[in-house]
Amino acid sequence: MTELIVLVDEAGTVVGTAPKASVHHADTPLHLAFSSYVFDRQGRFLLTRRALSKQTWPGVWTNSCCGHPMPGESFQQALHRRLDYELGLSADEVVELLPDFRYRAELDGVVENEICPVFGVRVGSEPAPRPTEVEQSSWVDWADVLAGRTPPLSPWCLLQLEALAGHPGIERLRRPA
């Protein structure tokens, strides 16, 4: 089955769809995506390294899980689907953190150009990463992430971290449950 992504205009209005495999290139059209930051019940953050086989940013460390909603799918539905698919996780709690986040980034001639709401997630189990999606994962202290005591991170993660430092939703997820 061909995975489709949702194309949008500058105002975020849906203007069509396109196969995911054909969209990420030097002139990537604006499209919908999401990012998530997963915390466990002890308040640790799940840092992930993208699979080496990924088309965009292979092998780069980043936030816990990202993805694209399919046509007709809400961001929340896409988040749950991708958490399960990429990490084998189910969300106990989801918090919308940055509903209006948008970015554009480029690496080796491939551009990401996304309207990308950011969510916080609490889980009660250990991840079981899918090797085609996630090369490595590690539970880390959020303070270490904010202080840059991690491997270099994806450009979208770095931009999101600026807005997430001290965010009340993140602070709630960091408290042990």
C-alpha atoms as a PDB file:
ATOM      1  CA  MET A   1       0.000   0.000   0.000  1.00  0.00           C
ATOM      2  CA  THR A   2       1.306   3.470  -0.903  1.00  0.00           C
ATOM      3  CA  GLU A   3       1.592   5.736   2.138  1.00  0.00           C
ATOM      4  CA  LEU A   4       0.163   9.170   1.321  1.00  0.00           C
ATOM      5  CA  ILE A   5       0.979  12.425   3.059  1.00  0.00           C
ATOM      6  CA  VAL A   6      -1.248  15.489   3.248  1.00  0.00           C
ATOM      7  CA  LEU A   7      -0.089  18.556   1.306  1.00  0.00           C
ATOM      8  CA  VAL A   8      -1.079  21.995   2.596  1.00  0.00           C
ATOM      9  CA  ASP A   9      -0.762  25.642   1.586  1.00  0.00           C
ATOM     10  CA  GLU A  10       0.869  28.372   3.678  1.00  0.00           C
ATOM     11  CA  ALA A  11      -2.331  28.761   5.721  1.00  0.00           C
ATOM     12  CA  GLY A  12      -2.409  25.029   6.517  1.00  0.00           C
ATOM     13  CA  THR A  13      -5.349  24.333   4.206  1.00  0.00           C
ATOM     14  CA  VAL A  14      -5.275  20.887   2.610  1.00  0.00           C
ATOM     15  CA  VAL A  15      -4.483  21.143  -1.099  1.00  0.00           C
ATOM     16  CA  GLY A  16      -3.914  17.472  -1.942  1.00  0.00           C
ATOM     17  CA  THR A  17      -1.952  14.343  -1.192  1.00  0.00           C
ATOM     18  CA  ALA A  18       1.210  12.741  -2.498  1.00  0.00           C
ATOM     19  CA  PRO A  19       3.047   9.445  -2.012  1.00  0.00           C
ATOM     20  CA  LYS A  20       5.414   9.810   0.943  1.00  0.00           C
ATOM     21  CA  ALA A  21       8.245   8.136  -0.967  1.00  0.00           C
ATOM     22  CA  SER A  22       8.150  10.792  -3.698  1.00  0.00           C
ATOM     23  CA  VAL A  23       7.816  13.957  -1.618  1.00  0.00           C
ATOM     24  CA  HIS A  24      11.109  14.406   0.256  1.00  0.00           C
ATOM     25  CA  HIS A  25      13.638  15.957  -2.124  1.00  0.00           C
ATOM     26  CA  ALA A  26      15.277  19.337  -2.790  1.00  0.00           C
ATOM     27  CA  ASP A  27      11.900  21.032  -3.322  1.00  0.00           C
ATOM     28  CA  THR A  28       9.727  19.261  -0.737  1.00  0.00           C
ATOM     29  CA  PRO A  29       6.204  20.690  -0.681  1.00  0.00           C
ATOM     30  CA  LEU A  30       4.721  21.897   2.605  1.00  0.00           C
ATOM     31  CA  HIS A  31       2.923  19.015   4.302  1.00  0.00           C
ATOM     32  CA  LEU A  32       1.529  17.838   7.638  1.00  0.00           C
ATOM     33  CA  ALA A  33       3.578  15.935  10.195  1.00  0.00           C
ATOM     34  CA  PHE A  34       3.875  15.603  13.967  1.00  0.00           C
ATOM     35  CA  SER A  35       6.626  15.157  16.532  1.00  0.00           C
ATOM     36  CA  SER A  36       6.368  13.529  19.941  1.00  0.00           C
ATOM     37  CA  TYR A  37       8.370  13.440  23.139  1.00  0.00           C
ATOM     38  CA  VAL A  38       7.835  10.235  25.116  1.00  0.00           C
ATOM     39  CA  PHE A  39       8.345  10.024  28.883  1.00  0.00           C
ATOM     40  CA  ASP A  40       8.101   6.950  31.087  1.00  0.00           C
ATOM     41  CA  ARG A  41       6.472   6.767  34.525  1.00  0.00           C
ATOM     42  CA  GLN A  42       9.803   7.665  36.164  1.00  0.00           C
ATOM     43  CA  GLY A  43       9.974  10.892  34.136  1.00  0.00           C
ATOM     44  CA  ARG A  44      12.762   9.776  31.795  1.00  0.00           C
ATOM     45  CA  PHE A  45      12.711  10.925  28.164  1.00  0.00           C
ATOM     46  CA  LEU A  46      13.041   8.500  25.227  1.00  0.00           C
ATOM     47  CA  LEU A  47      15.695   9.675  22.767  1.00  0.00           C
ATOM     48  CA  THR A  48      15.821   7.792  19.455  1.00  0.00           C
ATOM     49  CA  ARG A  49      18.257   7.431  16.597  1.00  0.00           C
ATOM     50  CA  ARG A  50      16.669   7.176  13.171  1.00  0.00           C
ATOM     51  CA  ALA A  51      17.317   3.979  11.213  1.00  0.00           C
ATOM     52  CA  LEU A  52      20.245   4.094   8.814  1.00  0.00           C
ATOM     53  CA  SER A  53      17.879   3.130   5.985  1.00  0.00           C
ATOM     54  CA  LYS A  54      15.636   6.214   6.415  1.00  0.00           C
ATOM     55  CA  GLN A  55      15.366   8.527   3.391  1.00  0.00           C
ATOM     56  CA  THR A  56      15.625  11.662   5.529  1.00  0.00           C
ATOM     57  CA  TRP A  57      18.199  12.154   8.287  1.00  0.00           C
ATOM     58  CA  PRO A  58      19.367   8.520   8.498  1.00  0.00           C
ATOM     59  CA  GLY A  59      21.204   7.725  11.724  1.00  0.00           C
ATOM     60  CA  VAL A  60      20.411  11.095  13.316  1.00  0.00           C
ATOM     61  CA  TRP A  61      19.401  11.272  16.985  1.00  0.00           C
ATOM     62  CA  THR A  62      16.091  13.014  17.573  1.00  0.00           C
ATOM     63  CA  ASN A  63      12.925  13.153  19.644  1.00  0.00           C
ATOM     64  CA  SER A  64      11.031   9.953  20.363  1.00  0.00           C
ATOM     65  CA  CYS A  65       8.731   9.548  17.377  1.00  0.00           C
ATOM     66  CA  CYS A  66       7.695  11.542  14.296  1.00  0.00           C
ATOM     67  CA  GLY A  67       5.320  10.837  11.473  1.00  0.00           C
ATOM     68  CA  HIS A  68       2.737  12.061   8.993  1.00  0.00           C
ATOM     69  CA  PRO A  69      -1.043  11.837   9.334  1.00  0.00           C
ATOM     70  CA  MET A  70      -2.680  10.026   6.457  1.00  0.00           C
ATOM     71  CA  PRO A  71      -5.581  11.644   4.577  1.00  0.00           C
ATOM     72  CA  GLY A  72      -8.588  11.809   6.918  1.00  0.00           C
ATOM     73  CA  GLU A  73      -6.513  10.869   9.982  1.00  0.00           C
ATOM     74  CA  SER A  74      -6.187  13.219  12.963  1.00  0.00           C
ATOM     75  CA  PHE A  75      -2.793  14.067  14.446  1.00  0.00           C
ATOM     76  CA  GLN A  76      -3.736  12.074  17.560  1.00  0.00           C
ATOM     77  CA  GLN A  77      -4.644   9.013  15.486  1.00  0.00           C
ATOM     78  CA  ALA A  78      -1.365   9.312  13.554  1.00  0.00           C
ATOM     79  CA  LEU A  79       0.571   9.659  16.805  1.00  0.00           C
ATOM     80  CA  HIS A  80      -0.923   6.469  18.261  1.00  0.00           C
ATOM     81  CA  ARG A  81      -0.388   4.587  14.992  1.00  0.00           C
ATOM     82  CA  ARG A  82       3.276   5.610  14.699  1.00  0.00           C
ATOM     83  CA  LEU A  83       4.083   5.039  18.386  1.00  0.00           C
ATOM     84  CA  ASP A  84       2.864   1.480  17.997  1.00  0.00           C
ATOM     85  CA  TYR A  85       4.525   0.916  14.608  1.00  0.00           C
ATOM     86  CA  GLU A  86       7.920   2.511  15.318  1.00  0.00           C
ATOM     87  CA  LEU A  87       8.342   1.780  19.020  1.00  0.00           C
ATOM     88  CA  GLY A  88       5.760  -0.820  20.012  1.00  0.00           C
ATOM     89  CA  LEU A  89       4.344   1.637  22.557  1.00  0.00           C
ATOM     90  CA  SER A  90       0.855   2.640  23.641  1.00  0.00           C
ATOM     91  CA  ALA A  91       0.257   6.084  25.105  1.00  0.00           C
ATOM     92  CA  ASP A  92      -1.139   6.312  28.634  1.00  0.00           C
ATOM     93  CA  GLU A  93      -1.399  10.094  28.276  1.00  0.00           C
ATOM     94  CA  VAL A  94      -1.008  12.561  25.385  1.00  0.00           C
ATOM     95  CA  VAL A  95      -0.485  16.301  25.858  1.00  0.00           C
ATOM     96  CA  GLU A  96      -0.517  18.814  23.002  1.00  0.00           C
ATOM     97  CA  LEU A  97       2.583  20.969  23.510  1.00  0.00           C
ATOM     98  CA  LEU A  98       3.268  23.084  20.405  1.00  0.00           C
ATOM     99  CA  PRO A  99       0.163  23.042  18.199  1.00  0.00           C
ATOM    100  CA  ASP A 100       1.503  25.586  15.693  1.00  0.00           C
ATOM    101  CA  PHE A 101       5.100  24.403  15.241  1.00  0.00           C
ATOM    102  CA  ARG A 102       6.414  24.694  11.687  1.00  0.00           C
ATOM    103  CA  TYR A 103       9.909  24.252  10.289  1.00  0.00           C
ATOM    104  CA  ARG A 104      12.018  23.784   7.193  1.00  0.00           C
ATOM    105  CA  ALA A 105      15.386  21.966   7.294  1.00  0.00           C
ATOM    106  CA  GLU A 106      17.801  20.568   4.727  1.00  0.00           C
ATOM    107  CA  LEU A 107      20.450  17.838   4.774  1.00  0.00           C
ATOM    108  CA  ASP A 108      22.352  16.482   1.784  1.00  0.00           C
ATOM    109  CA  GLY A 109      19.883  18.044  -0.665  1.00  0.00           C
ATOM    110  CA  VAL A 110      16.784  16.601   1.041  1.00  0.00           C
ATOM    111  CA  VAL A 111      14.376  19.129   2.551  1.00  0.00           C
ATOM    112  CA  GLU A 112      11.838  18.717   5.337  1.00  0.00           C
ATOM    113  CA  ASN A 113       9.068  21.325   5.054  1.00  0.00           C
ATOM    114  CA  GLU A 114       6.364  20.668   7.616  1.00  0.00           C
ATOM    115  CA  ILE A 115       3.557  22.022   9.708  1.00  0.00           C
ATOM    116  CA  CYS A 116       4.346  19.788  12.635  1.00  0.00           C
ATOM    117  CA  PRO A 117       2.399  19.961  15.927  1.00  0.00           C
ATOM    118  CA  VAL A 118       4.374  18.634  18.891  1.00  0.00           C
ATOM    119  CA  PHE A 119       2.965  16.277  21.530  1.00  0.00           C
ATOM    120  CA  GLY A 120       4.149  14.955  24.867  1.00  0.00           C
ATOM    121  CA  VAL A 121       3.391  11.341  25.706  1.00  0.00           C
ATOM    122  CA  ARG A 122       3.571   9.222  28.845  1.00  0.00           C
ATOM    123  CA  VAL A 123       3.977   5.459  28.484  1.00  0.00           C
ATOM    124  CA  GLY A 124       4.044   2.608  30.953  1.00  0.00           C
ATOM    125  CA  SER A 125       6.129   0.085  29.056  1.00  0.00           C
ATOM    126  CA  GLU A 126       9.523  -0.357  27.444  1.00  0.00           C
ATOM    127  CA  PRO A 127       9.953   0.372  23.740  1.00  0.00           C
ATOM    128  CA  ALA A 128      10.402  -2.404  21.195  1.00  0.00           C
ATOM    129  CA  PRO A 129      11.824  -0.404  18.275  1.00  0.00           C
ATOM    130  CA  ARG A 130      11.220  -1.522  14.698  1.00  0.00           C
ATOM    131  CA  PRO A 131      14.721  -1.730  13.108  1.00  0.00           C
ATOM    132  CA  THR A 132      13.577  -0.161   9.831  1.00  0.00           C
ATOM    133  CA  GLU A 133      12.494   2.934  11.768  1.00  0.00           C
ATOM    134  CA  VAL A 134      14.739   3.207  14.834  1.00  0.00           C
ATOM    135  CA  GLU A 135      18.436   2.302  14.981  1.00  0.00           C
ATOM    136  CA  GLN A 136      18.768   2.891  18.745  1.00  0.00           C
ATOM    137  CA  SER A 137      16.785   4.266  21.652  1.00  0.00           C
ATOM    138  CA  SER A 138      17.747   5.359  25.124  1.00  0.00           C
ATOM    139  CA  TRP A 139      15.951   6.654  28.196  1.00  0.00           C
ATOM    140  CA  VAL A 140      17.715   9.869  29.240  1.00  0.00           C
ATOM    141  CA  ASP A 141      17.286  12.681  31.716  1.00  0.00           C
ATOM    142  CA  TRP A 142      15.420  15.645  30.187  1.00  0.00           C
ATOM    143  CA  ALA A 143      17.869  18.087  31.797  1.00  0.00           C
ATOM    144  CA  ASP A 144      20.718  16.398  29.891  1.00  0.00           C
ATOM    145  CA  VAL A 145      18.840  16.886  26.621  1.00  0.00           C
ATOM    146  CA  LEU A 146      18.249  20.580  27.307  1.00  0.00           C
ATOM    147  CA  ALA A 147      21.892  21.032  28.342  1.00  0.00           C
ATOM    148  CA  GLY A 148      23.159  19.422  25.125  1.00  0.00           C
ATOM    149  CA  ARG A 149      24.641  16.386  26.899  1.00  0.00           C
ATOM    150  CA  THR A 150      23.419  14.068  24.128  1.00  0.00           C
ATOM    151  CA  PRO A 151      24.673  13.183  20.663  1.00  0.00           C
ATOM    152  CA  PRO A 152      23.957  15.907  18.066  1.00  0.00           C
ATOM    153  CA  LEU A 153      20.210  16.158  17.447  1.00  0.00           C
ATOM    154  CA  SER A 154      18.011  16.693  14.384  1.00  0.00           C
ATOM    155  CA  PRO A 155      17.314  20.295  13.380  1.00  0.00           C
ATOM    156  CA  TRP A 156      13.603  20.022  14.162  1.00  0.00           C
ATOM    157  CA  CYS A 157      14.362  18.611  17.599  1.00  0.00           C
ATOM    158  CA  LEU A 158      16.739  21.487  18.375  1.00  0.00           C
ATOM    159  CA  LEU A 159      14.107  24.046  17.326  1.00  0.00           C
ATOM    160  CA  GLN A 160      11.424  22.295  19.367  1.00  0.00           C
ATOM    161  CA  LEU A 161      13.648  22.104  22.446  1.00  0.00           C
ATOM    162  CA  GLU A 162      13.923  25.906  22.490  1.00  0.00           C
ATOM    163  CA  ALA A 163      10.136  26.126  22.901  1.00  0.00           C
ATOM    164  CA  LEU A 164       9.803  23.091  25.195  1.00  0.00           C
ATOM    165  CA  ALA A 165      12.301  24.156  27.882  1.00  0.00           C
ATOM    166  CA  GLY A 166      10.185  24.806  30.975  1.00  0.00           C
ATOM    167  CA  HIS A 167       6.921  24.057  29.131  1.00  0.00           C
ATOM    168  CA  PRO A 168       4.245  23.145  31.734  1.00  0.00           C
ATOM    169  CA  GLY A 169       3.141  20.081  29.743  1.00  0.00           C
ATOM    170  CA  ILE A 170       6.688  18.712  29.680  1.00  0.00           C
ATOM    171  CA  GLU A 171       7.143  19.470  33.376  1.00  0.00           C
ATOM    172  CA  ARG A 172       3.984  17.487  34.164  1.00  0.00           C
ATOM    173  CA  LEU A 173       5.195  14.498  32.103  1.00  0.00           C
ATOM    174  CA  ARG A 174       8.605  14.625  33.828  1.00  0.00           C
ATOM    175  CA  ARG A 175       7.016  14.117  37.257  1.00  0.00           C
ATOM    176  CA  PRO A 176       6.993  10.430  38.203  1.00  0.00           C
ATOM    177  CA  ALA A 177       3.520   8.919  37.865  1.00  0.00           C
END
